[in-house]
Amino acid sequence: MSASEAQRITLAFDGDLNRGLWLTCDMPEHAFELCAELGRRHGPKLGIRTLDSLNVACALELKAERFWTFDERQAKLAKAEGLKIS
């Protein structure tokens, strides 16, 4: 991705954020502890990385009903934790 493409995408995302298409929230209080727990439980079997487990931990802490990802490892972890994958 070129610098100009990245800038265009960032501006488009910022525009969507300003129009209310995306919601922001603070990092859930216990996300890092759950991230570590997920890593211990699923890391060796699924080969997940820290950001995979942190993203899933946040979804779980925020009581998400669905988990959207194009990342195969994140999807496997989210599914193992009972999230519906989209």
Protein backbone atom coordinates (compact mmCIF):
# COMPACT_ATOMS: atom_id res chain seq x y z
CA MET A 1 0.00 0.00 0.00
CA SER A 2 1.39 3.37 -0.92
CA ALA A 3 1.50 6.33 1.46
CA SER A 4 -1.17 8.14 -0.55
CA GLU A 5 -3.47 5.09 -0.45
CA ALA A 6 -2.98 4.78 3.29
CA GLN A 7 -3.80 8.47 3.73
CA ARG A 8 -6.93 8.13 1.58
CA ILE A 9 -8.13 5.14 3.59
CA THR A 10 -7.42 6.91 6.87
CA LEU A 11 -9.40 9.95 5.75
CA ALA A 12 -12.29 7.74 4.64
CA PHE A 13 -12.26 5.93 7.98
CA ASP A 14 -12.19 9.23 9.88
CA GLY A 15 -15.16 10.41 7.80
CA ASP A 16 -17.09 7.24 8.63
CA LEU A 17 -16.22 7.68 12.31
CA ASN A 18 -17.48 11.28 12.27
CA ARG A 19 -20.74 10.14 10.64
CA GLY A 20 -21.29 7.62 13.43
CA LEU A 21 -20.73 4.48 11.35
CA TRP A 22 -18.18 3.23 13.90
CA LEU A 23 -18.34 3.34 17.66
CA THR A 24 -15.32 3.77 19.87
CA CYS A 25 -14.91 2.60 23.45
CA ASP A 26 -12.17 2.32 26.02
CA MET A 27 -10.15 -0.85 26.37
CA PRO A 28 -12.11 -3.16 28.69
CA GLU A 29 -10.65 -3.22 32.21
CA HIS A 30 -9.79 -6.93 32.29
CA ALA A 31 -8.88 -7.39 28.61
CA PHE A 32 -5.15 -7.87 29.23
CA GLU A 33 -5.71 -10.52 31.89
CA LEU A 34 -8.12 -12.39 29.62
CA CYS A 35 -5.67 -11.98 26.72
CA ALA A 36 -2.98 -13.75 28.75
CA GLU A 37 -5.40 -16.48 29.80
CA LEU A 38 -6.47 -17.08 26.19
CA GLY A 39 -2.84 -17.29 25.17
CA ARG A 40 -2.10 -19.90 27.81
CA ARG A 41 -5.18 -21.97 26.97
CA HIS A 42 -5.16 -21.77 23.19
CA GLY A 43 -1.73 -20.52 22.12
CA PRO A 44 0.08 -23.81 21.66
CA LYS A 45 -2.82 -25.51 19.88
CA LEU A 46 -3.99 -22.66 17.63
CA GLY A 47 -0.73 -20.76 17.14
CA ILE A 48 -2.36 -17.46 18.06
CA ARG A 49 -0.40 -14.25 18.47
CA THR A 50 -0.77 -11.65 21.20
CA LEU A 51 -2.90 -9.29 19.11
CA ASP A 52 -5.14 -12.18 18.12
CA SER A 53 -5.87 -12.97 21.74
CA LEU A 54 -6.18 -9.28 22.68
CA ASN A 55 -8.78 -8.66 19.98
CA VAL A 56 -10.80 -11.70 21.02
CA ALA A 57 -10.43 -10.80 24.70
CA CYS A 58 -11.84 -7.34 24.02
CA ALA A 59 -14.77 -8.81 22.11
CA LEU A 60 -15.51 -11.18 24.98
CA GLU A 61 -15.20 -8.46 27.62
CA LEU A 62 -17.52 -6.19 25.60
CA LYS A 63 -20.07 -9.04 25.32
CA ALA A 64 -19.94 -9.07 21.53
CA GLU A 65 -22.35 -11.40 19.81
CA ARG A 66 -20.32 -11.66 16.61
CA PHE A 67 -16.65 -11.45 15.77
CA TRP A 68 -15.69 -10.07 12.37
CA THR A 69 -12.24 -10.92 11.04
CA PHE A 70 -10.36 -11.98 7.95
CA ASP A 71 -7.64 -13.47 10.14
CA GLU A 72 -7.85 -17.25 10.30
CA ARG A 73 -6.16 -17.54 13.71
CA GLN A 74 -8.41 -14.93 15.28
CA ALA A 75 -11.44 -16.68 13.82
CA LYS A 76 -10.38 -20.05 15.27
CA LEU A 77 -9.82 -18.51 18.70
CA ALA A 78 -13.09 -16.57 18.66
CA LYS A 79 -14.97 -19.70 17.63
CA ALA A 80 -13.25 -21.73 20.36
CA GLU A 81 -14.48 -19.12 22.85
CA GLY A 82 -18.07 -19.35 21.62
CA LEU A 83 -18.28 -16.22 19.46
CA LYS A 84 -20.16 -16.37 16.16
CA ILE A 85 -17.80 -15.66 13.28
CA SER A 86 -18.76 -13.28 10.49
